[in-house]
N, C-alpha and C. Protein backbone atom coordinates (compact mmCIF):
# COMPACT_ATOMS: atom_id res chain seq x y z
N MET A 1 0.84 -1.19 0.00
CA MET A 1 0.00 0.00 0.00
C MET A 1 0.88 1.25 0.00
N ASN A 2 0.55 2.22 -0.82
CA ASN A 2 1.31 3.45 -0.84
C ASN A 2 1.13 4.21 0.47
N GLU A 3 2.13 5.01 0.81
CA GLU A 3 2.05 5.82 2.02
C GLU A 3 0.86 6.77 1.93
N ILE A 4 0.11 6.86 3.01
CA ILE A 4 -1.08 7.71 3.04
C ILE A 4 -0.70 9.11 3.53
N ILE A 5 -1.04 10.12 2.74
CA ILE A 5 -0.88 11.51 3.16
C ILE A 5 -2.17 11.93 3.85
N LEU A 6 -2.08 12.34 5.11
CA LEU A 6 -3.26 12.73 5.86
C LEU A 6 -3.58 14.21 5.64
N MET A 7 -4.81 14.58 5.91
CA MET A 7 -5.24 15.97 5.75
C MET A 7 -4.45 16.92 6.64
N SER A 8 -3.93 16.41 7.75
CA SER A 8 -3.17 17.25 8.69
C SER A 8 -1.76 17.52 8.22
N ASP A 9 -1.32 16.87 7.16
CA ASP A 9 0.04 17.05 6.67
C ASP A 9 0.24 18.51 6.24
N PRO A 10 1.33 19.15 6.69
CA PRO A 10 1.58 20.55 6.31
C PRO A 10 1.60 20.78 4.81
N LYS A 11 1.91 19.75 4.03
CA LYS A 11 1.93 19.91 2.57
C LYS A 11 0.54 20.24 2.03
N VAL A 12 -0.50 19.76 2.70
CA VAL A 12 -1.87 20.05 2.26
C VAL A 12 -2.21 21.51 2.52
N ALA A 13 -1.94 21.97 3.74
CA ALA A 13 -2.25 23.36 4.10
C ALA A 13 -1.42 24.35 3.30
N ALA A 14 -0.26 23.93 2.80
CA ALA A 14 0.62 24.83 2.04
C ALA A 14 0.13 25.10 0.63
N ILE A 15 -0.82 24.33 0.15
CA ILE A 15 -1.35 24.54 -1.20
C ILE A 15 -2.16 25.84 -1.23
N PRO A 16 -1.85 26.77 -2.13
CA PRO A 16 -2.65 28.00 -2.22
C PRO A 16 -4.02 27.72 -2.84
N VAL A 17 -4.95 28.63 -2.61
CA VAL A 17 -6.30 28.50 -3.15
C VAL A 17 -6.57 29.64 -4.11
N ALA A 18 -6.98 29.31 -5.33
CA ALA A 18 -7.25 30.32 -6.35
C ALA A 18 -8.62 30.95 -6.18
N HIS A 19 -9.48 30.34 -5.36
CA HIS A 19 -10.83 30.85 -5.08
C HIS A 19 -11.62 31.10 -6.37
N ARG A 20 -11.79 30.03 -7.13
CA ARG A 20 -12.61 30.10 -8.34
C ARG A 20 -14.04 30.48 -7.96
N ASP A 21 -14.59 31.45 -8.65
CA ASP A 21 -15.95 31.93 -8.36
C ASP A 21 -16.95 30.98 -9.01
N GLU A 22 -17.41 30.04 -8.23
CA GLU A 22 -18.27 29.00 -8.77
C GLU A 22 -19.38 28.68 -7.78
N GLN A 23 -20.58 28.56 -8.26
CA GLN A 23 -21.74 28.37 -7.41
C GLN A 23 -21.74 27.01 -6.71
N LEU A 24 -22.46 27.00 -5.59
CA LEU A 24 -22.83 25.74 -4.98
C LEU A 24 -24.19 25.36 -5.55
N LEU A 25 -24.29 24.18 -6.16
CA LEU A 25 -25.52 23.75 -6.80
C LEU A 25 -26.18 22.63 -5.99
N ASP A 26 -27.50 22.61 -5.98
CA ASP A 26 -28.27 21.58 -5.28
C ASP A 26 -28.33 20.33 -6.16
N VAL A 27 -27.77 19.24 -5.69
CA VAL A 27 -27.71 18.03 -6.50
C VAL A 27 -29.09 17.37 -6.65
N ARG A 28 -30.08 17.85 -5.89
CA ARG A 28 -31.43 17.29 -5.97
C ARG A 28 -32.24 17.90 -7.11
N SER A 29 -31.68 18.90 -7.77
CA SER A 29 -32.43 19.64 -8.79
C SER A 29 -32.05 19.20 -10.20
N GLY A 30 -32.79 18.26 -10.74
CA GLY A 30 -32.64 17.89 -12.14
C GLY A 30 -31.40 17.13 -12.53
N THR A 31 -30.68 16.55 -11.56
CA THR A 31 -29.45 15.83 -11.90
C THR A 31 -29.69 14.33 -12.11
N GLY A 32 -30.77 13.82 -11.54
CA GLY A 32 -31.03 12.39 -11.62
C GLY A 32 -30.24 11.57 -10.62
N LEU A 33 -29.43 12.22 -9.77
CA LEU A 33 -28.67 11.50 -8.76
C LEU A 33 -29.61 10.98 -7.66
N LEU A 34 -29.28 9.82 -7.16
CA LEU A 34 -30.00 9.25 -6.02
C LEU A 34 -29.43 9.88 -4.75
N VAL A 35 -30.28 10.56 -3.97
CA VAL A 35 -29.82 11.30 -2.79
C VAL A 35 -30.41 10.70 -1.53
N ASP A 36 -29.54 10.30 -0.63
CA ASP A 36 -29.93 9.79 0.68
C ASP A 36 -30.09 10.97 1.63
N GLU A 37 -31.04 10.90 2.54
CA GLU A 37 -31.33 12.05 3.42
C GLU A 37 -30.84 11.86 4.85
N ARG A 38 -29.91 10.95 5.07
CA ARG A 38 -29.45 10.74 6.44
C ARG A 38 -28.70 11.95 7.00
N LYS A 39 -28.17 12.81 6.12
CA LYS A 39 -27.46 14.02 6.55
C LYS A 39 -28.29 15.29 6.30
N LEU A 40 -29.58 15.11 6.04
CA LEU A 40 -30.45 16.24 5.77
C LEU A 40 -30.40 17.27 6.90
N ASP A 41 -30.27 18.55 6.52
CA ASP A 41 -30.29 19.64 7.49
C ASP A 41 -31.37 20.64 7.09
N VAL A 42 -31.66 21.57 7.97
CA VAL A 42 -32.76 22.51 7.75
C VAL A 42 -32.58 23.32 6.47
N THR A 43 -31.36 23.72 6.17
CA THR A 43 -31.11 24.56 5.00
C THR A 43 -30.92 23.76 3.71
N GLY A 44 -30.72 22.45 3.84
CA GLY A 44 -30.42 21.65 2.66
C GLY A 44 -28.98 21.79 2.19
N ALA A 45 -28.13 22.34 3.03
CA ALA A 45 -26.72 22.55 2.66
C ALA A 45 -26.04 21.25 2.26
N PHE A 46 -26.39 20.18 2.92
CA PHE A 46 -25.74 18.88 2.70
C PHE A 46 -25.78 18.43 1.23
N ALA A 47 -26.79 18.89 0.50
CA ALA A 47 -27.02 18.43 -0.87
C ALA A 47 -26.37 19.33 -1.92
N HIS A 48 -25.47 20.19 -1.52
CA HIS A 48 -24.84 21.12 -2.45
C HIS A 48 -23.39 20.77 -2.75
N LEU A 49 -22.99 21.06 -3.99
CA LEU A 49 -21.61 20.87 -4.44
C LEU A 49 -21.25 22.00 -5.40
N ARG A 50 -19.97 22.28 -5.52
CA ARG A 50 -19.52 23.20 -6.57
C ARG A 50 -19.88 22.60 -7.93
N ALA A 51 -20.12 23.48 -8.87
CA ALA A 51 -20.55 23.04 -10.20
C ALA A 51 -19.55 22.09 -10.83
N GLY A 52 -18.26 22.37 -10.68
CA GLY A 52 -17.24 21.52 -11.27
C GLY A 52 -17.21 20.13 -10.68
N VAL A 53 -17.53 20.02 -9.41
CA VAL A 53 -17.58 18.71 -8.75
C VAL A 53 -18.81 17.94 -9.22
N LEU A 54 -19.93 18.63 -9.26
CA LEU A 54 -21.17 17.98 -9.69
C LEU A 54 -21.06 17.46 -11.12
N ASP A 55 -20.49 18.25 -12.01
CA ASP A 55 -20.33 17.80 -13.40
C ASP A 55 -19.56 16.49 -13.46
N ARG A 56 -18.50 16.39 -12.68
CA ARG A 56 -17.68 15.18 -12.69
C ARG A 56 -18.39 14.01 -12.03
N LEU A 57 -19.20 14.30 -11.05
CA LEU A 57 -19.98 13.24 -10.41
C LEU A 57 -20.98 12.64 -11.40
N LEU A 58 -21.58 13.48 -12.19
CA LEU A 58 -22.54 13.00 -13.20
C LEU A 58 -21.83 12.18 -14.28
N ASP A 59 -20.61 12.57 -14.63
CA ASP A 59 -19.82 11.78 -15.57
C ASP A 59 -19.54 10.39 -14.99
N ALA A 60 -19.22 10.34 -13.69
CA ALA A 60 -18.94 9.06 -13.04
C ALA A 60 -20.19 8.19 -13.04
N GLN A 61 -21.34 8.80 -12.78
CA GLN A 61 -22.60 8.07 -12.78
C GLN A 61 -22.83 7.39 -14.14
N GLU A 62 -22.55 8.10 -15.20
CA GLU A 62 -22.78 7.57 -16.56
C GLU A 62 -21.86 6.39 -16.88
N SER A 63 -20.72 6.32 -16.22
CA SER A 63 -19.74 5.27 -16.56
C SER A 63 -19.90 4.00 -15.73
N LEU A 64 -20.82 4.01 -14.77
CA LEU A 64 -21.01 2.82 -13.94
C LEU A 64 -21.61 1.66 -14.75
N PRO A 65 -21.31 0.44 -14.36
CA PRO A 65 -21.92 -0.72 -15.03
C PRO A 65 -23.44 -0.70 -14.86
N ASP A 66 -24.14 -1.35 -15.77
CA ASP A 66 -25.60 -1.46 -15.67
C ASP A 66 -25.98 -2.07 -14.33
N GLY A 67 -27.05 -1.52 -13.75
CA GLY A 67 -27.55 -2.04 -12.49
C GLY A 67 -26.99 -1.36 -11.26
N LEU A 68 -26.07 -0.41 -11.45
CA LEU A 68 -25.47 0.29 -10.32
C LEU A 68 -25.72 1.79 -10.44
N ARG A 69 -25.89 2.43 -9.29
CA ARG A 69 -26.07 3.88 -9.23
C ARG A 69 -25.24 4.45 -8.10
N LEU A 70 -24.85 5.71 -8.24
CA LEU A 70 -24.24 6.41 -7.12
C LEU A 70 -25.32 6.77 -6.12
N LEU A 71 -25.00 6.66 -4.85
CA LEU A 71 -25.90 7.10 -3.79
C LEU A 71 -25.21 8.24 -3.04
N PHE A 72 -25.67 9.46 -3.29
CA PHE A 72 -25.10 10.67 -2.70
C PHE A 72 -25.57 10.79 -1.24
N VAL A 73 -24.63 11.02 -0.33
CA VAL A 73 -24.99 11.13 1.09
C VAL A 73 -24.71 12.52 1.65
N GLU A 74 -23.54 13.10 1.37
CA GLU A 74 -23.25 14.44 1.88
C GLU A 74 -22.23 15.15 1.01
N GLY A 75 -22.51 16.41 0.73
CA GLY A 75 -21.58 17.25 -0.01
C GLY A 75 -21.07 18.37 0.89
N TYR A 76 -21.62 19.57 0.71
CA TYR A 76 -21.17 20.73 1.47
C TYR A 76 -21.47 20.55 2.96
N ARG A 77 -20.52 21.01 3.79
CA ARG A 77 -20.68 20.99 5.25
C ARG A 77 -20.21 22.34 5.80
N PRO A 78 -21.09 23.09 6.47
CA PRO A 78 -20.71 24.41 6.97
C PRO A 78 -19.48 24.35 7.88
N PRO A 79 -18.63 25.38 7.84
CA PRO A 79 -17.42 25.38 8.67
C PRO A 79 -17.67 25.14 10.15
N PHE A 80 -18.76 25.68 10.69
CA PHE A 80 -19.01 25.50 12.13
C PHE A 80 -19.26 24.02 12.44
N LEU A 81 -19.92 23.32 11.54
CA LEU A 81 -20.21 21.91 11.75
C LEU A 81 -18.95 21.06 11.59
N GLN A 82 -18.12 21.42 10.62
CA GLN A 82 -16.85 20.72 10.45
C GLN A 82 -15.99 20.88 11.70
N ARG A 83 -15.97 22.08 12.25
CA ARG A 83 -15.18 22.35 13.46
C ARG A 83 -15.70 21.50 14.63
N ARG A 84 -17.02 21.42 14.74
CA ARG A 84 -17.61 20.64 15.82
C ARG A 84 -17.27 19.16 15.70
N TYR A 85 -17.38 18.62 14.48
CA TYR A 85 -17.05 17.22 14.26
C TYR A 85 -15.59 16.93 14.62
N PHE A 86 -14.70 17.83 14.19
CA PHE A 86 -13.27 17.63 14.43
C PHE A 86 -12.97 17.69 15.94
N GLU A 87 -13.52 18.66 16.62
CA GLU A 87 -13.25 18.82 18.04
C GLU A 87 -13.83 17.67 18.86
N GLU A 88 -15.00 17.19 18.46
CA GLU A 88 -15.61 16.08 19.20
C GLU A 88 -14.80 14.80 19.04
N TYR A 89 -14.33 14.54 17.82
CA TYR A 89 -13.55 13.32 17.60
C TYR A 89 -12.18 13.44 18.27
N ALA A 90 -11.59 14.62 18.21
CA ALA A 90 -10.29 14.83 18.87
C ALA A 90 -10.42 14.64 20.38
N ALA A 91 -11.52 15.10 20.96
CA ALA A 91 -11.75 14.94 22.39
C ALA A 91 -11.90 13.46 22.76
N GLN A 92 -12.57 12.71 21.89
CA GLN A 92 -12.71 11.27 22.11
C GLN A 92 -11.35 10.59 22.11
N LEU A 93 -10.52 10.95 21.13
CA LEU A 93 -9.18 10.37 21.04
C LEU A 93 -8.31 10.79 22.22
N ARG A 94 -8.45 12.03 22.66
CA ARG A 94 -7.69 12.52 23.80
C ARG A 94 -8.01 11.72 25.06
N ALA A 95 -9.30 11.41 25.24
CA ALA A 95 -9.71 10.63 26.41
C ALA A 95 -9.13 9.21 26.36
N GLU A 96 -9.04 8.67 25.15
CA GLU A 96 -8.53 7.30 24.99
C GLU A 96 -7.01 7.24 25.01
N HIS A 97 -6.36 8.35 24.64
CA HIS A 97 -4.89 8.39 24.54
C HIS A 97 -4.34 9.67 25.18
N PRO A 98 -4.43 9.78 26.49
CA PRO A 98 -3.98 11.01 27.16
C PRO A 98 -2.49 11.28 27.00
N GLU A 99 -1.73 10.25 26.60
CA GLU A 99 -0.29 10.40 26.44
C GLU A 99 0.10 11.05 25.12
N TRP A 100 -0.84 11.17 24.19
CA TRP A 100 -0.52 11.72 22.88
C TRP A 100 -0.22 13.21 22.95
N THR A 101 0.73 13.66 22.11
CA THR A 101 0.99 15.09 21.97
C THR A 101 -0.12 15.72 21.13
N ASP A 102 -0.15 17.05 21.12
CA ASP A 102 -1.14 17.74 20.29
C ASP A 102 -0.97 17.39 18.82
N GLU A 103 0.27 17.23 18.37
CA GLU A 103 0.52 16.89 16.98
C GLU A 103 0.02 15.48 16.66
N GLN A 104 0.26 14.54 17.57
CA GLN A 104 -0.24 13.18 17.37
C GLN A 104 -1.76 13.16 17.33
N LEU A 105 -2.36 13.94 18.20
CA LEU A 105 -3.81 13.99 18.27
C LEU A 105 -4.40 14.56 16.98
N ARG A 106 -3.83 15.64 16.48
CA ARG A 106 -4.33 16.27 15.26
C ARG A 106 -4.18 15.32 14.07
N SER A 107 -3.04 14.62 14.01
CA SER A 107 -2.81 13.69 12.93
C SER A 107 -3.81 12.53 12.98
N ALA A 108 -4.02 11.97 14.15
CA ALA A 108 -4.95 10.84 14.28
C ALA A 108 -6.37 11.27 13.99
N ALA A 109 -6.75 12.44 14.45
CA ALA A 109 -8.11 12.92 14.21
C ALA A 109 -8.36 13.14 12.73
N SER A 110 -7.32 13.55 12.00
CA SER A 110 -7.50 13.87 10.57
C SER A 110 -7.66 12.63 9.70
N ARG A 111 -7.50 11.44 10.28
CA ARG A 111 -7.80 10.22 9.52
C ARG A 111 -9.30 10.14 9.22
N TYR A 112 -10.09 10.78 10.08
CA TYR A 112 -11.55 10.60 10.05
C TYR A 112 -12.31 11.91 9.84
N VAL A 113 -11.76 13.01 10.32
CA VAL A 113 -12.38 14.33 10.15
C VAL A 113 -11.30 15.32 9.76
N SER A 114 -11.50 16.04 8.67
CA SER A 114 -10.49 17.00 8.20
C SER A 114 -10.39 18.19 9.14
N PRO A 115 -9.19 18.72 9.36
CA PRO A 115 -9.05 19.96 10.12
C PRO A 115 -9.92 21.05 9.47
N PRO A 116 -10.64 21.82 10.26
CA PRO A 116 -11.64 22.76 9.71
C PRO A 116 -11.10 23.75 8.68
N GLU A 117 -9.87 24.20 8.86
CA GLU A 117 -9.35 25.26 7.99
C GLU A 117 -9.05 24.78 6.58
N ILE A 118 -8.97 23.47 6.37
CA ILE A 118 -8.68 22.97 5.02
C ILE A 118 -9.74 22.00 4.52
N ALA A 119 -10.83 21.84 5.27
CA ALA A 119 -11.80 20.78 4.99
C ALA A 119 -12.40 20.87 3.59
N PRO A 120 -12.27 19.83 2.77
CA PRO A 120 -12.86 19.82 1.43
C PRO A 120 -14.38 19.95 1.45
N HIS A 121 -15.04 19.36 2.44
CA HIS A 121 -16.50 19.47 2.51
C HIS A 121 -16.95 20.93 2.66
N SER A 122 -16.22 21.69 3.45
CA SER A 122 -16.60 23.08 3.69
C SER A 122 -16.29 23.98 2.50
N ALA A 123 -15.61 23.43 1.51
CA ALA A 123 -15.37 24.14 0.26
C ALA A 123 -16.40 23.75 -0.80
N GLY A 124 -17.27 22.81 -0.46
CA GLY A 124 -18.22 22.29 -1.46
C GLY A 124 -17.52 21.44 -2.50
N ALA A 125 -16.32 20.94 -2.14
CA ALA A 125 -15.48 20.23 -3.10
C ALA A 125 -15.46 18.73 -2.88
N ALA A 126 -16.08 18.27 -1.79
CA ALA A 126 -16.03 16.86 -1.45
C ALA A 126 -17.43 16.26 -1.36
N VAL A 127 -17.48 14.96 -1.62
CA VAL A 127 -18.75 14.25 -1.54
C VAL A 127 -18.52 12.91 -0.85
N ASP A 128 -19.42 12.57 0.05
CA ASP A 128 -19.46 11.24 0.65
C ASP A 128 -20.55 10.47 -0.07
N LEU A 129 -20.19 9.33 -0.60
CA LEU A 129 -21.16 8.59 -1.42
C LEU A 129 -20.84 7.11 -1.42
N THR A 130 -21.78 6.33 -1.93
CA THR A 130 -21.60 4.90 -2.02
C THR A 130 -22.33 4.40 -3.25
N LEU A 131 -22.50 3.08 -3.35
CA LEU A 131 -23.20 2.49 -4.47
C LEU A 131 -24.55 1.93 -4.04
N ALA A 132 -25.50 1.97 -4.97
CA ALA A 132 -26.81 1.37 -4.77
C ALA A 132 -27.17 0.59 -6.02
N ASP A 133 -28.16 -0.30 -5.89
CA ASP A 133 -28.62 -1.02 -7.07
C ASP A 133 -29.69 -0.20 -7.78
N ASP A 134 -30.25 -0.76 -8.84
CA ASP A 134 -31.24 -0.05 -9.65
C ASP A 134 -32.48 0.37 -8.86
N GLU A 135 -32.76 -0.33 -7.78
CA GLU A 135 -33.93 -0.02 -6.96
C GLU A 135 -33.60 0.90 -5.80
N GLY A 136 -32.37 1.39 -5.78
CA GLY A 136 -31.97 2.35 -4.75
C GLY A 136 -31.52 1.75 -3.44
N ARG A 137 -31.31 0.45 -3.42
CA ARG A 137 -30.88 -0.21 -2.19
C ARG A 137 -29.37 -0.09 -2.04
N GLU A 138 -28.95 0.43 -0.89
CA GLU A 138 -27.53 0.62 -0.62
C GLU A 138 -26.82 -0.72 -0.56
N LEU A 139 -25.64 -0.78 -1.18
CA LEU A 139 -24.89 -2.03 -1.25
C LEU A 139 -23.83 -2.10 -0.16
N ASP A 140 -23.45 -3.31 0.19
CA ASP A 140 -22.41 -3.53 1.20
C ASP A 140 -21.04 -3.20 0.61
N MET A 141 -20.36 -2.26 1.25
CA MET A 141 -19.03 -1.85 0.80
C MET A 141 -17.94 -2.22 1.81
N GLY A 142 -18.28 -3.07 2.76
CA GLY A 142 -17.30 -3.53 3.73
C GLY A 142 -17.43 -2.92 5.11
N THR A 143 -17.90 -1.68 5.17
CA THR A 143 -18.23 -1.02 6.43
C THR A 143 -19.44 -0.12 6.17
N ARG A 144 -20.05 0.34 7.24
CA ARG A 144 -21.05 1.39 7.06
C ARG A 144 -20.33 2.66 6.65
N MET A 145 -21.05 3.56 6.02
CA MET A 145 -20.47 4.87 5.72
C MET A 145 -20.18 5.61 7.01
N ASN A 146 -19.07 6.34 7.02
CA ASN A 146 -18.64 7.13 8.17
C ASN A 146 -18.25 6.27 9.37
N ALA A 147 -17.87 5.03 9.13
CA ALA A 147 -17.32 4.21 10.20
C ALA A 147 -15.91 4.71 10.53
N SER A 148 -15.61 4.88 11.80
CA SER A 148 -14.29 5.37 12.19
C SER A 148 -13.27 4.24 12.09
N PRO A 149 -11.98 4.58 12.09
CA PRO A 149 -10.95 3.54 12.09
C PRO A 149 -11.06 2.61 13.29
N GLU A 150 -11.45 3.18 14.44
CA GLU A 150 -11.59 2.37 15.65
C GLU A 150 -12.76 1.40 15.52
N GLU A 151 -13.91 1.91 15.11
CA GLU A 151 -15.10 1.08 14.98
C GLU A 151 -14.91 -0.05 13.97
N SER A 152 -14.25 0.25 12.85
CA SER A 152 -14.15 -0.69 11.74
C SER A 152 -12.87 -1.52 11.74
N ALA A 153 -12.03 -1.34 12.75
CA ALA A 153 -10.73 -2.02 12.78
C ALA A 153 -9.93 -1.72 11.51
N GLY A 154 -10.05 -0.50 11.03
CA GLY A 154 -9.30 -0.07 9.86
C GLY A 154 -9.93 -0.43 8.53
N ALA A 155 -11.09 -1.10 8.55
CA ALA A 155 -11.73 -1.50 7.30
C ALA A 155 -12.29 -0.30 6.54
N CYS A 156 -12.38 0.86 7.18
CA CYS A 156 -12.82 2.07 6.49
C CYS A 156 -11.77 2.56 5.49
N TYR A 157 -10.53 2.14 5.66
CA TYR A 157 -9.48 2.53 4.71
C TYR A 157 -9.81 1.93 3.34
N THR A 158 -9.66 2.72 2.32
CA THR A 158 -10.10 2.32 0.99
C THR A 158 -9.54 0.97 0.55
N TYR A 159 -8.27 0.73 0.83
CA TYR A 159 -7.63 -0.49 0.37
C TYR A 159 -7.40 -1.50 1.51
N ALA A 160 -8.26 -1.44 2.51
CA ALA A 160 -8.18 -2.38 3.62
C ALA A 160 -8.32 -3.81 3.11
N ASP A 161 -7.62 -4.73 3.76
CA ASP A 161 -7.70 -6.13 3.33
C ASP A 161 -8.63 -6.97 4.20
N ASN A 162 -9.25 -6.36 5.20
CA ASN A 162 -10.16 -7.12 6.08
C ASN A 162 -11.63 -6.90 5.69
N ILE A 163 -11.90 -6.96 4.39
CA ILE A 163 -13.27 -6.88 3.88
C ILE A 163 -13.47 -8.04 2.89
N SER A 164 -14.72 -8.29 2.55
CA SER A 164 -15.02 -9.40 1.66
C SER A 164 -14.59 -9.10 0.22
N ALA A 165 -14.46 -10.14 -0.58
CA ALA A 165 -14.11 -9.97 -1.99
C ALA A 165 -15.19 -9.18 -2.71
N GLU A 166 -16.44 -9.38 -2.33
CA GLU A 166 -17.54 -8.65 -2.97
C GLU A 166 -17.45 -7.16 -2.66
N ALA A 167 -17.18 -6.83 -1.40
CA ALA A 167 -17.03 -5.42 -1.03
C ALA A 167 -15.83 -4.80 -1.72
N ARG A 168 -14.73 -5.55 -1.83
CA ARG A 168 -13.54 -5.05 -2.53
C ARG A 168 -13.86 -4.75 -3.99
N SER A 169 -14.61 -5.64 -4.63
CA SER A 169 -14.98 -5.44 -6.02
C SER A 169 -15.82 -4.17 -6.18
N ARG A 170 -16.74 -3.95 -5.27
CA ARG A 170 -17.60 -2.76 -5.36
C ARG A 170 -16.79 -1.49 -5.11
N ARG A 171 -15.87 -1.53 -4.17
CA ARG A 171 -15.02 -0.35 -3.96
C ARG A 171 -14.19 -0.05 -5.21
N ASP A 172 -13.73 -1.10 -5.86
CA ASP A 172 -12.94 -0.91 -7.08
C ASP A 172 -13.80 -0.30 -8.20
N ILE A 173 -15.04 -0.74 -8.31
CA ILE A 173 -15.95 -0.19 -9.33
C ILE A 173 -16.20 1.29 -9.05
N LEU A 174 -16.48 1.62 -7.80
CA LEU A 174 -16.72 3.01 -7.42
C LEU A 174 -15.49 3.86 -7.70
N GLY A 175 -14.33 3.35 -7.29
CA GLY A 175 -13.10 4.10 -7.47
C GLY A 175 -12.72 4.31 -8.92
N THR A 176 -12.95 3.31 -9.74
CA THR A 176 -12.65 3.42 -11.16
C THR A 176 -13.48 4.52 -11.82
N ALA A 177 -14.78 4.55 -11.51
CA ALA A 177 -15.67 5.55 -12.10
C ALA A 177 -15.32 6.96 -11.64
N LEU A 178 -15.08 7.13 -10.37
CA LEU A 178 -14.81 8.46 -9.82
C LEU A 178 -13.43 8.97 -10.23
N SER A 179 -12.44 8.10 -10.22
CA SER A 179 -11.09 8.50 -10.63
C SER A 179 -11.07 8.92 -12.09
N ALA A 180 -11.75 8.16 -12.93
CA ALA A 180 -11.80 8.49 -14.36
C ALA A 180 -12.47 9.83 -14.60
N ALA A 181 -13.38 10.22 -13.70
CA ALA A 181 -14.08 11.50 -13.83
C ALA A 181 -13.28 12.66 -13.26
N GLY A 182 -12.14 12.37 -12.62
CA GLY A 182 -11.27 13.44 -12.15
C GLY A 182 -11.28 13.70 -10.66
N LEU A 183 -11.99 12.86 -9.89
CA LEU A 183 -12.00 13.02 -8.45
C LEU A 183 -10.90 12.20 -7.81
N VAL A 184 -10.50 12.59 -6.59
CA VAL A 184 -9.50 11.82 -5.84
C VAL A 184 -10.11 11.36 -4.53
N ASN A 185 -9.61 10.25 -4.05
CA ASN A 185 -10.11 9.65 -2.81
C ASN A 185 -9.22 10.02 -1.63
N TYR A 186 -9.84 10.15 -0.45
CA TYR A 186 -9.07 10.26 0.79
C TYR A 186 -8.94 8.84 1.32
N PRO A 187 -7.75 8.25 1.27
CA PRO A 187 -7.62 6.80 1.43
C PRO A 187 -7.92 6.23 2.81
N THR A 188 -8.23 7.06 3.78
CA THR A 188 -8.68 6.52 5.07
C THR A 188 -10.21 6.40 5.11
N GLU A 189 -10.88 6.87 4.05
CA GLU A 189 -12.35 6.83 3.99
C GLU A 189 -12.77 6.43 2.58
N TRP A 190 -13.19 5.21 2.37
CA TRP A 190 -13.51 4.75 1.02
C TRP A 190 -14.62 5.56 0.37
N TRP A 191 -15.46 6.21 1.17
CA TRP A 191 -16.63 6.94 0.66
C TRP A 191 -16.35 8.39 0.32
N HIS A 192 -15.18 8.92 0.66
CA HIS A 192 -14.89 10.36 0.52
C HIS A 192 -14.08 10.64 -0.74
N TRP A 193 -14.66 11.44 -1.63
CA TRP A 193 -14.02 11.80 -2.90
C TRP A 193 -14.13 13.31 -3.11
N SER A 194 -13.14 13.88 -3.78
CA SER A 194 -13.17 15.34 -3.94
C SER A 194 -12.51 15.77 -5.25
N TYR A 195 -12.82 17.00 -5.60
CA TYR A 195 -12.22 17.64 -6.77
C TYR A 195 -12.05 19.13 -6.48
N GLY A 196 -10.89 19.68 -6.80
CA GLY A 196 -10.67 21.12 -6.73
C GLY A 196 -10.22 21.66 -5.39
N ASP A 197 -10.16 20.83 -4.36
CA ASP A 197 -9.73 21.27 -3.04
C ASP A 197 -8.21 21.12 -2.88
N ARG A 198 -7.69 21.47 -1.73
CA ARG A 198 -6.23 21.40 -1.51
C ARG A 198 -5.72 19.96 -1.61
N TYR A 199 -6.46 19.01 -1.06
CA TYR A 199 -6.00 17.63 -1.10
C TYR A 199 -5.95 17.14 -2.54
N TRP A 200 -6.96 17.46 -3.31
CA TRP A 200 -6.97 17.12 -4.73
C TRP A 200 -5.75 17.73 -5.43
N ALA A 201 -5.47 19.01 -5.15
CA ALA A 201 -4.35 19.69 -5.79
C ALA A 201 -3.03 19.00 -5.47
N LEU A 202 -2.85 18.60 -4.22
CA LEU A 202 -1.62 17.92 -3.83
C LEU A 202 -1.49 16.58 -4.56
N LYS A 203 -2.57 15.80 -4.58
CA LYS A 203 -2.53 14.49 -5.21
C LYS A 203 -2.32 14.59 -6.73
N GLU A 204 -2.88 15.63 -7.35
CA GLU A 204 -2.82 15.77 -8.80
C GLU A 204 -1.65 16.63 -9.28
N GLY A 205 -0.93 17.23 -8.35
CA GLY A 205 0.20 18.08 -8.73
C GLY A 205 -0.22 19.43 -9.29
N ALA A 206 -1.40 19.90 -8.94
CA ALA A 206 -1.87 21.21 -9.39
C ALA A 206 -1.17 22.32 -8.60
N VAL A 207 -0.98 23.47 -9.21
CA VAL A 207 -0.27 24.56 -8.53
C VAL A 207 -1.12 25.22 -7.47
N ALA A 208 -2.45 25.10 -7.58
CA ALA A 208 -3.35 25.71 -6.61
C ALA A 208 -4.67 24.95 -6.59
N ALA A 209 -5.36 25.06 -5.48
CA ALA A 209 -6.71 24.50 -5.38
C ALA A 209 -7.69 25.48 -6.02
N HIS A 210 -8.80 24.97 -6.52
CA HIS A 210 -9.83 25.83 -7.09
C HIS A 210 -10.74 26.42 -6.00
N TYR A 211 -10.96 25.62 -4.96
CA TYR A 211 -11.97 26.01 -3.97
C TYR A 211 -11.42 25.92 -2.55
N GLY A 212 -11.75 26.94 -1.74
CA GLY A 212 -11.44 26.91 -0.32
C GLY A 212 -12.73 26.95 0.48
N PRO A 213 -12.66 26.72 1.81
CA PRO A 213 -13.85 26.77 2.65
C PRO A 213 -14.63 28.07 2.49
N ARG A 214 -15.94 27.97 2.53
CA ARG A 214 -16.81 29.13 2.38
C ARG A 214 -18.08 28.92 3.20
N GLU A 215 -18.78 30.01 3.43
CA GLU A 215 -20.06 29.93 4.13
C GLU A 215 -21.16 29.60 3.13
N PHE A 216 -22.25 29.06 3.64
CA PHE A 216 -23.37 28.69 2.81
C PHE A 216 -24.40 29.81 2.80
N HIS A 217 -24.80 30.24 1.62
CA HIS A 217 -25.82 31.31 1.50
C HIS A 217 -26.93 30.80 0.60
């Protein structure tokens, strides 16, 4: 397995952001995407993505084998919510590992929740998604979505070897479609894919990210 670069790595934060002026679009409006409402919020922010990300997601949908569909779960996440998720998980890890330094804690927390200042979700650049069949039934991908490394014994890692052959095949199908469309995966979370954010820029060798964190209006 290749070495995993975590979101907390200084190389990620060092990527400049070009701040491309691009709308956040509601993926529920005329896209044909299957949208799960487990992350539904009052404003509907969860269902929004930058236009460039949505275009690529639709390309990935078209390339899937017959009988499979993308199941969209969460896109944009407001900065305040990202901060809360990060702090709550870091506090949990701190309680379990009081001997860890602040740097160790930040690194471990970033396996599961991105540091707020660079979070791809808060830029509208990331999507959490999985596969469903033609009838909209969510398929087994080896873990539940948003399973932590602790809960899943590391099976949440995209290339984990402690999952079934069927789940591995489905992860490969998902990854092939999304990679071909221009998105990159965060390898500690098989469900997390992004385009245009700092992590994408680092992985793709781009000189700058297209999108940085923003507020939802």
